[in-house]
PDB file of N, CA and C in Angstrom:
ATOM      1  N   UNK A   1      65.737 117.737  50.476  1.00  0.00           N
ATOM      2  CA  UNK A   1      66.372 117.781  51.911  1.00  0.00           C
ATOM      3  C   UNK A   1      67.940 118.013  51.682  1.00  0.00           C
ATOM      4  N   UNK A   2      68.442 118.824  52.843  1.00  0.00           N
ATOM      5  CA  UNK A   2      69.770 118.979  52.739  1.00  0.00           C
ATOM      6  C   UNK A   2      70.568 117.864  53.162  1.00  0.00           C
ATOM      7  N   UNK A   3      71.769 117.563  52.771  1.00  0.00           N
ATOM      8  CA  UNK A   3      72.521 116.330  53.076  1.00  0.00           C
ATOM      9  C   UNK A   3      73.607 116.728  54.250  1.00  0.00           C
ATOM     10  N   UNK A   4      74.226 115.615  54.713  1.00  0.00           N
ATOM     11  CA  UNK A   4      75.242 115.768  55.708  1.00  0.00           C
ATOM     12  C   UNK A   4      76.327 116.613  55.237  1.00  0.00           C
ATOM     13  N   UNK A   5      76.564 117.728  56.154  1.00  0.00           N
ATOM     14  CA  UNK A   5      77.829 118.555  55.665  1.00  0.00           C
ATOM     15  C   UNK A   5      77.379 119.684  54.661  1.00  0.00           C
ATOM     16  N   UNK A   6      76.263 119.756  54.028  1.00  0.00           N
ATOM     17  CA  UNK A   6      75.672 120.733  53.225  1.00  0.00           C
ATOM     18  C   UNK A   6      75.638 122.008  54.067  1.00  0.00           C
ATOM     19  N   UNK A   7      75.973 123.173  53.512  1.00  0.00           N
ATOM     20  CA  UNK A   7      75.874 124.278  54.299  1.00  0.00           C
ATOM     21  C   UNK A   7      75.019 125.408  53.619  1.00  0.00           C
ATOM     22  N   UNK A   8      74.565 126.346  54.290  1.00  0.00           N
ATOM     23  CA  UNK A   8      73.650 127.295  53.826  1.00  0.00           C
ATOM     24  C   UNK A   8      74.074 128.688  54.522  1.00  0.00           C
ATOM     25  N   UNK A   9      74.302 129.813  53.874  1.00  0.00           N
ATOM     26  CA  UNK A   9      74.408 131.135  54.615  1.00  0.00           C
ATOM     27  C   UNK A   9      73.075 131.624  54.888  1.00  0.00           C
ATOM     28  N   UNK A  10      73.204 132.237  56.208  1.00  0.00           N
ATOM     29  CA  UNK A  10      71.922 133.075  56.555  1.00  0.00           C
ATOM     30  C   UNK A  10      72.477 134.395  57.184  1.00  0.00           C
ATOM     31  N   UNK A  11      71.796 135.551  56.833  1.00  0.00           N
ATOM     32  CA  UNK A  11      71.960 136.681  57.500  1.00  0.00           C
ATOM     33  C   UNK A  11      70.739 137.102  58.209  1.00  0.00           C
ATOM     34  N   UNK A  12      71.030 137.448  59.395  1.00  0.00           N
ATOM     35  CA  UNK A  12      69.942 137.797  60.335  1.00  0.00           C
ATOM     36  C   UNK A  12      69.510 139.304  60.157  1.00  0.00           C
ATOM     37  N   UNK A  13      68.364 139.760  60.663  1.00  0.00           N
ATOM     38  CA  UNK A  13      67.980 141.115  60.470  1.00  0.00           C
ATOM     39  C   UNK A  13      68.942 141.908  61.192  1.00  0.00           C
ATOM     40  N   UNK A  14      69.722 141.323  62.022  1.00  0.00           N
ATOM     41  CA  UNK A  14      70.715 142.220  62.874  1.00  0.00           C
ATOM     42  C   UNK A  14      72.018 142.408  62.013  1.00  0.00           C
ATOM     43  N   UNK A  15      71.968 141.865  60.674  1.00  0.00           N
ATOM     44  CA  UNK A  15      73.075 141.982  59.702  1.00  0.00           C
ATOM     45  C   UNK A  15      74.229 140.977  60.176  1.00  0.00           C
ATOM     46  N   UNK A  16      73.911 140.207  61.186  1.00  0.00           N
ATOM     47  CA  UNK A  16      74.965 139.051  61.512  1.00  0.00           C
ATOM     48  C   UNK A  16      74.903 138.115  60.580  1.00  0.00           C
ATOM     49  N   UNK A  17      75.953 137.438  60.029  1.00  0.00           N
ATOM     50  CA  UNK A  17      76.050 136.456  59.109  1.00  0.00           C
ATOM     51  C   UNK A  17      76.491 135.125  59.879  1.00  0.00           C
ATOM     52  N   UNK A  18      75.736 134.004  59.519  1.00  0.00           N
ATOM     53  CA  UNK A  18      75.885 132.766  60.092  1.00  0.00           C
ATOM     54  C   UNK A  18      75.962 131.620  58.860  1.00  0.00           C
ATOM     55  N   UNK A  19      76.638 130.599  59.148  1.00  0.00           N
ATOM     56  CA  UNK A  19      76.757 129.419  58.399  1.00  0.00           C
ATOM     57  C   UNK A  19      75.983 128.315  59.206  1.00  0.00           C
ATOM     58  N   UNK A  20      75.078 127.766  58.448  1.00  0.00           N
ATOM     59  CA  UNK A  20      74.245 126.692  58.889  1.00  0.00           C
ATOM     60  C   UNK A  20      74.915 125.396  58.335  1.00  0.00           C
ATOM     61  N   UNK A  21      75.193 124.388  59.089  1.00  0.00           N
ATOM     62  CA  UNK A  21      75.791 123.225  58.508  1.00  0.00           C
ATOM     63  C   UNK A  21      74.827 121.842  58.935  1.00  0.00           C
ATOM     64  N   UNK A  22      74.430 121.265  57.871  1.00  0.00           N
ATOM     65  CA  UNK A  22      73.420 120.211  58.252  1.00  0.00           C
ATOM     66  C   UNK A  22      74.314 118.890  58.946  1.00  0.00           C
ATOM     67  N   UNK A  23      73.713 118.361  59.999  1.00  0.00           N
ATOM     68  CA  UNK A  23      74.493 117.321  60.693  1.00  0.00           C
ATOM     69  C   UNK A  23      74.137 116.080  60.094  1.00  0.00           C
ATOM     70  N   UNK A  24      73.332 115.871  59.024  1.00  0.00           N
ATOM     71  CA  UNK A  24      72.940 114.516  58.504  1.00  0.00           C
ATOM     72  C   UNK A  24      71.468 113.994  59.195  1.00  0.00           C
ATOM     73  N   UNK A  25      71.039 113.224  58.509  1.00  0.00           N
ATOM     74  CA  UNK A  25      69.626 112.693  58.855  1.00  0.00           C
ATOM     75  C   UNK A  25      69.572 112.009  60.263  1.00  0.00           C
ATOM     76  N   UNK A  26      70.328 111.136  60.562  1.00  0.00           N
ATOM     77  CA  UNK A  26      70.403 110.501  61.746  1.00  0.00           C
ATOM     78  C   UNK A  26      70.754 111.395  62.921  1.00  0.00           C
ATOM     79  N   UNK A  27      71.521 112.163  62.664  1.00  0.00           N
ATOM     80  CA  UNK A  27      72.081 113.177  63.777  1.00  0.00           C
ATOM     81  C   UNK A  27      70.942 114.184  64.147  1.00  0.00           C
ATOM     82  N   UNK A  28      70.141 114.560  63.029  1.00  0.00           N
ATOM     83  CA  UNK A  28      68.933 115.413  63.065  1.00  0.00           C
ATOM     84  C   UNK A  28      67.913 114.766  64.056  1.00  0.00           C
ATOM     85  N   UNK A  29      67.726 113.379  63.864  1.00  0.00           N
ATOM     86  CA  UNK A  29      66.821 112.832  64.610  1.00  0.00           C
ATOM     87  C   UNK A  29      67.223 112.803  66.154  1.00  0.00           C
ATOM     88  N   UNK A  30      68.546 112.489  66.243  1.00  0.00           N
ATOM     89  CA  UNK A  30      69.090 112.386  67.578  1.00  0.00           C
ATOM     90  C   UNK A  30      69.012 113.742  68.338  1.00  0.00           C
ATOM     91  N   UNK A  31      69.296 114.700  67.525  1.00  0.00           N
ATOM     92  CA  UNK A  31      69.078 116.070  68.184  1.00  0.00           C
ATOM     93  C   UNK A  31      67.629 116.368  68.650  1.00  0.00           C
ATOM     94  N   UNK A  32      66.695 116.024  67.869  1.00  0.00           N
ATOM     95  CA  UNK A  32      65.374 116.360  68.354  1.00  0.00           C
ATOM     96  C   UNK A  32      65.007 115.297  69.432  1.00  0.00           C
ATOM     97  N   UNK A  33      65.488 114.166  69.542  1.00  0.00           N
ATOM     98  CA  UNK A  33      65.164 113.153  70.626  1.00  0.00           C
ATOM     99  C   UNK A  33      65.787 113.725  72.002  1.00  0.00           C
ATOM    100  N   UNK A  34      67.100 114.099  71.804  1.00  0.00           N
ATOM    101  CA  UNK A  34      67.830 114.873  73.055  1.00  0.00           C
ATOM    102  C   UNK A  34      67.025 115.970  73.647  1.00  0.00           C
ATOM    103  N   UNK A  35      66.221 116.754  72.811  1.00  0.00           N
ATOM    104  CA  UNK A  35      65.538 117.906  73.172  1.00  0.00           C
ATOM    105  C   UNK A  35      64.169 117.558  73.792  1.00  0.00           C
ATOM    106  N   UNK A  36      63.767 116.249  73.839  1.00  0.00           N
ATOM    107  CA  UNK A  36      62.486 115.911  74.450  1.00  0.00           C
ATOM    108  C   UNK A  36      62.779 115.661  76.038  1.00  0.00           C
ATOM    109  N   UNK A  37      61.672 116.219  76.770  1.00  0.00           N
ATOM    110  CA  UNK A  37      61.634 115.886  78.205  1.00  0.00           C
ATOM    111  C   UNK A  37      60.366 115.134  78.522  1.00  0.00           C
ATOM    112  N   UNK A  38      60.098 114.907  79.629  1.00  0.00           N
ATOM    113  CA  UNK A  38      58.955 114.171  80.030  1.00  0.00           C
ATOM    114  C   UNK A  38      57.673 114.912  79.663  1.00  0.00           C
ATOM    115  N   UNK A  39      57.709 116.163  79.734  1.00  0.00           N
ATOM    116  CA  UNK A  39      56.498 116.926  79.457  1.00  0.00           C
ATOM    117  C   UNK A  39      56.533 117.553  78.107  1.00  0.00           C
ATOM    118  N   UNK A  40      57.447 117.188  77.279  1.00  0.00           N
ATOM    119  CA  UNK A  40      57.300 117.538  75.879  1.00  0.00           C
ATOM    120  C   UNK A  40      58.736 117.996  75.387  1.00  0.00           C
ATOM    121  N   UNK A  41      58.930 118.983  74.559  1.00  0.00           N
ATOM    122  CA  UNK A  41      59.903 119.407  73.752  1.00  0.00           C
ATOM    123  C   UNK A  41      60.545 120.630  74.573  1.00  0.00           C
ATOM    124  N   UNK A  42      61.795 120.753  74.612  1.00  0.00           N
ATOM    125  CA  UNK A  42      62.464 121.831  75.383  1.00  0.00           C
ATOM    126  C   UNK A  42      63.055 122.718  74.138  1.00  0.00           C
ATOM    127  N   UNK A  43      62.727 123.983  74.088  1.00  0.00           N
ATOM    128  CA  UNK A  43      63.350 124.857  73.192  1.00  0.00           C
ATOM    129  C   UNK A  43      64.876 124.939  73.731  1.00  0.00           C
ATOM    130  N   UNK A  44      64.999 125.184  74.930  1.00  0.00           N
ATOM    131  CA  UNK A  44      66.401 125.385  75.477  1.00  0.00           C
ATOM    132  C   UNK A  44      67.482 124.353  75.062  1.00  0.00           C
ATOM    133  N   UNK A  45      66.830 122.988  75.079  1.00  0.00           N
ATOM    134  CA  UNK A  45      67.661 121.899  74.791  1.00  0.00           C
ATOM    135  C   UNK A  45      67.977 121.883  73.314  1.00  0.00           C
ATOM    136  N   UNK A  46      66.925 122.188  72.541  1.00  0.00           N
ATOM    137  CA  UNK A  46      67.025 122.110  71.014  1.00  0.00           C
ATOM    138  C   UNK A  46      68.049 123.214  70.501  1.00  0.00           C
ATOM    139  N   UNK A  47      67.822 124.397  71.298  1.00  0.00           N
ATOM    140  CA  UNK A  47      68.666 125.548  70.922  1.00  0.00           C
ATOM    141  C   UNK A  47      70.104 125.132  71.139  1.00  0.00           C
ATOM    142  N   UNK A  48      70.430 124.427  72.364  1.00  0.00           N
ATOM    143  CA  UNK A  48      71.706 124.023  72.515  1.00  0.00           C
ATOM    144  C   UNK A  48      72.253 123.141  71.598  1.00  0.00           C
ATOM    145  N   UNK A  49      71.249 122.302  70.848  1.00  0.00           N
ATOM    146  CA  UNK A  49      71.774 121.197  69.889  1.00  0.00           C
ATOM    147  C   UNK A  49      72.182 122.111  68.782  1.00  0.00           C
ATOM    148  N   UNK A  50      71.444 122.885  68.326  1.00  0.00           N
ATOM    149  CA  UNK A  50      71.687 123.869  67.320  1.00  0.00           C
ATOM    150  C   UNK A  50      73.048 124.539  67.293  1.00  0.00           C
ATOM    151  N   UNK A  51      73.147 125.044  68.649  1.00  0.00           N
ATOM    152  CA  UNK A  51      74.474 125.867  68.744  1.00  0.00           C
ATOM    153  C   UNK A  51      75.841 124.916  68.671  1.00  0.00           C
ATOM    154  N   UNK A  52      75.460 123.788  69.036  1.00  0.00           N
ATOM    155  CA  UNK A  52      76.601 122.638  69.047  1.00  0.00           C
ATOM    156  C   UNK A  52      76.948 122.112  67.793  1.00  0.00           C
ATOM    157  N   UNK A  53      75.830 121.969  66.972  1.00  0.00           N
ATOM    158  CA  UNK A  53      76.030 121.199  65.749  1.00  0.00           C
ATOM    159  C   UNK A  53      75.681 121.788  64.461  1.00  0.00           C
ATOM    160  N   UNK A  54      74.955 123.014  64.438  1.00  0.00           N
ATOM    161  CA  UNK A  54      74.466 123.473  63.249  1.00  0.00           C
ATOM    162  C   UNK A  54      74.769 124.888  63.040  1.00  0.00           C
ATOM    163  N   UNK A  55      74.608 125.803  63.888  1.00  0.00           N
ATOM    164  CA  UNK A  55      74.901 127.170  63.692  1.00  0.00           C
ATOM    165  C   UNK A  55      76.338 127.585  63.867  1.00  0.00           C
ATOM    166  N   UNK A  56      77.078 128.350  62.982  1.00  0.00           N
ATOM    167  CA  UNK A  56      78.346 128.717  63.056  1.00  0.00           C
ATOM    168  C   UNK A  56      78.367 130.134  62.677  1.00  0.00           C
ATOM    169  N   UNK A  57      79.459 131.034  63.115  1.00  0.00           N
ATOM    170  CA  UNK A  57      79.506 132.373  62.566  1.00  0.00           C
ATOM    171  C   UNK A  57      80.039 132.357  61.264  1.00  0.00           C
ATOM    172  N   UNK A  58      80.025 133.322  60.582  1.00  0.00           N
ATOM    173  CA  UNK A  58      80.373 133.477  59.236  1.00  0.00           C
ATOM    174  C   UNK A  58      82.004 133.069  59.037  1.00  0.00           C
ATOM    175  N   UNK A  59      82.522 133.397  60.155  1.00  0.00           N
ATOM    176  CA  UNK A  59      84.115 133.191  60.279  1.00  0.00           C
ATOM    177  C   UNK A  59      84.476 131.744  60.593  1.00  0.00           C
ATOM    178  N   UNK A  60      83.250 130.827  61.000  1.00  0.00           N
ATOM    179  CA  UNK A  60      83.491 129.471  61.461  1.00  0.00           C
ATOM    180  C   UNK A  60      83.636 129.282  62.949  1.00  0.00           C
ATOM    181  N   UNK A  61      83.356 130.206  63.570  1.00  0.00           N
ATOM    182  CA  UNK A  61      83.325 130.059  65.063  1.00  0.00           C
ATOM    183  C   UNK A  61      82.080 129.590  65.735  1.00  0.00           C
ATOM    184  N   UNK A  62      82.130 128.997  66.922  1.00  0.00           N
ATOM    185  CA  UNK A  62      80.781 128.589  67.560  1.00  0.00           C
ATOM    186  C   UNK A  62      79.897 129.886  68.124  1.00  0.00           C
ATOM    187  N   UNK A  63      78.818 129.605  68.170  1.00  0.00           N
ATOM    188  CA  UNK A  63      77.762 130.487  68.915  1.00  0.00           C
ATOM    189  C   UNK A  63      77.332 129.790  70.193  1.00  0.00           C
ATOM    190  N   UNK A  64      76.949 130.633  71.020  1.00  0.00           N
ATOM    191  CA  UNK A  64      76.411 130.370  72.392  1.00  0.00           C
ATOM    192  C   UNK A  64      75.338 131.429  72.815  1.00  0.00           C
ATOM    193  N   UNK A  65      75.010 131.160  74.125  1.00  0.00           N
ATOM    194  CA  UNK A  65      73.988 132.180  74.594  1.00  0.00           C
ATOM    195  C   UNK A  65      74.592 133.573  74.792  1.00  0.00           C
ATOM    196  N   UNK A  66      75.752 133.582  75.181  1.00  0.00           N
ATOM    197  CA  UNK A  66      76.201 134.936  75.285  1.00  0.00           C
ATOM    198  C   UNK A  66      76.363 135.561  73.918  1.00  0.00           C
ATOM    199  N   UNK A  67      76.738 134.872  72.787  1.00  0.00           N
ATOM    200  CA  UNK A  67      76.767 135.619  71.540  1.00  0.00           C
ATOM    201  C   UNK A  67      75.314 136.248  71.143  1.00  0.00           C
ATOM    202  N   UNK A  68      74.257 135.563  71.426  1.00  0.00           N
ATOM    203  CA  UNK A  68      72.879 136.124  71.216  1.00  0.00           C
ATOM    204  C   UNK A  68      72.625 137.208  72.221  1.00  0.00           C
ATOM    205  N   UNK A  69      72.989 137.138  73.367  1.00  0.00           N
ATOM    206  CA  UNK A  69      72.866 138.117  74.272  1.00  0.00           C
ATOM    207  C   UNK A  69      73.402 139.484  73.675  1.00  0.00           C
ATOM    208  N   UNK A  70      74.696 139.327  73.229  1.00  0.00           N
ATOM    209  CA  UNK A  70      75.372 140.577  72.487  1.00  0.00           C
ATOM    210  C   UNK A  70      74.820 141.026  71.344  1.00  0.00           C
ATOM    211  N   UNK A  71      74.572 140.032  70.257  1.00  0.00           N
ATOM    212  CA  UNK A  71      74.124 140.563  68.912  1.00  0.00           C
ATOM    213  C   UNK A  71      72.729 140.410  68.562  1.00  0.00           C
ATOM    214  N   UNK A  72      71.868 139.796  69.544  1.00  0.00           N
ATOM    215  CA  UNK A  72      70.551 139.561  69.319  1.00  0.00           C
ATOM    216  C   UNK A  72      70.214 138.456  68.139  1.00  0.00           C
ATOM    217  N   UNK A  73      68.879 138.423  67.691  1.00  0.00           N
ATOM    218  CA  UNK A  73      68.505 137.609  66.795  1.00  0.00           C
ATOM    219  C   UNK A  73      68.325 136.142  66.880  1.00  0.00           C
ATOM    220  N   UNK A  74      68.112 135.657  68.186  1.00  0.00           N
ATOM    221  CA  UNK A  74      68.231 134.422  68.747  1.00  0.00           C
ATOM    222  C   UNK A  74      66.932 133.633  67.858  1.00  0.00           C
ATOM    223  N   UNK A  75      65.762 134.224  68.090  1.00  0.00           N
ATOM    224  CA  UNK A  75      64.675 133.553  67.485  1.00  0.00           C
ATOM    225  C   UNK A  75      64.582 133.323  66.135  1.00  0.00           C
ATOM    226  N   UNK A  76      65.147 134.294  65.255  1.00  0.00           N
ATOM    227  CA  UNK A  76      65.136 134.333  63.982  1.00  0.00           C
ATOM    228  C   UNK A  76      66.281 133.365  63.433  1.00  0.00           C
ATOM    229  N   UNK A  77      67.402 133.160  64.059  1.00  0.00           N
ATOM    230  CA  UNK A  77      68.453 132.236  63.744  1.00  0.00           C
ATOM    231  C   UNK A  77      67.887 130.833  64.120  1.00  0.00           C
ATOM    232  N   UNK A  78      67.334 130.578  65.096  1.00  0.00           N
ATOM    233  CA  UNK A  78      66.800 129.301  65.639  1.00  0.00           C
ATOM    234  C   UNK A  78      65.807 128.693  64.783  1.00  0.00           C
ATOM    235  N   UNK A  79      64.966 129.600  64.150  1.00  0.00           N
ATOM    236  CA  UNK A  79      64.052 129.301  63.192  1.00  0.00           C
ATOM    237  C   UNK A  79      64.482 128.828  61.782  1.00  0.00           C
ATOM    238  N   UNK A  80      65.563 129.729  61.535  1.00  0.00           N
ATOM    239  CA  UNK A  80      66.207 129.170  60.264  1.00  0.00           C
ATOM    240  C   UNK A  80      66.920 127.900  60.367  1.00  0.00           C
ATOM    241  N   UNK A  81      67.537 127.784  61.381  1.00  0.00           N
ATOM    242  CA  UNK A  81      68.252 126.430  61.634  1.00  0.00           C
ATOM    243  C   UNK A  81      67.341 125.278  61.633  1.00  0.00           C
ATOM    244  N   UNK A  82      66.091 125.527  62.252  1.00  0.00           N
ATOM    245  CA  UNK A  82      65.111 124.427  62.514  1.00  0.00           C
ATOM    246  C   UNK A  82      64.547 124.160  60.874  1.00  0.00           C
ATOM    247  N   UNK A  83      64.352 125.188  60.275  1.00  0.00           N
ATOM    248  CA  UNK A  83      63.755 124.832  58.752  1.00  0.00           C
ATOM    249  C   UNK A  83      64.784 124.098  58.053  1.00  0.00           C
ATOM    250  N   UNK A  84      66.271 124.441  58.220  1.00  0.00           N
ATOM    251  CA  UNK A  84      67.037 124.021  57.339  1.00  0.00           C
ATOM    252  C   UNK A  84      67.451 122.469  57.872  1.00  0.00           C
ATOM    253  N   UNK A  85      67.362 122.139  59.145  1.00  0.00           N
ATOM    254  CA  UNK A  85      67.643 120.728  59.613  1.00  0.00           C
ATOM    255  C   UNK A  85      66.583 119.928  59.373  1.00  0.00           C
ATOM    256  N   UNK A  86      65.380 120.428  59.676  1.00  0.00           N
ATOM    257  CA  UNK A  86      64.293 119.563  59.702  1.00  0.00           C
ATOM    258  C   UNK A  86      63.188 119.649  58.617  1.00  0.00           C
ATOM    259  N   UNK A  87      63.709 120.227  57.428  1.00  0.00           N
ATOM    260  CA  UNK A  87      62.767 120.480  56.239  1.00  0.00           C
ATOM    261  C   UNK A  87      62.108 119.164  55.754  1.00  0.00           C
ATOM    262  N   UNK A  88      62.883 118.093  55.811  1.00  0.00           N
ATOM    263  CA  UNK A  88      62.038 116.985  55.318  1.00  0.00           C
ATOM    264  C   UNK A  88      62.163 115.783  56.421  1.00  0.00           C
ATOM    265  N   UNK A  89      62.369 115.891  57.586  1.00  0.00           N
ATOM    266  CA  UNK A  89      62.422 114.900  58.490  1.00  0.00           C
ATOM    267  C   UNK A  89      61.041 114.625  59.064  1.00  0.00           C
TER     268      UNK A  89
END
């Protein structure tokens, strides 16, 4: 399992480069809990958590919905972030 602060470089099929940073075990669980709704898990809420705490541009900047509107690759990057953060949780 990745540890708090550990990073992984990820290049999407769009050739955009990202740095994934692990928020730590406790924060990973909190992120998953914050993404839950009365009817189940919300992809939108979980993606917001990833954009806030896990996914950064290669230059260290934040990503947001507008970033993925412009560059694409949302599903691919989110799947990579999910595997990285929740691999052993």
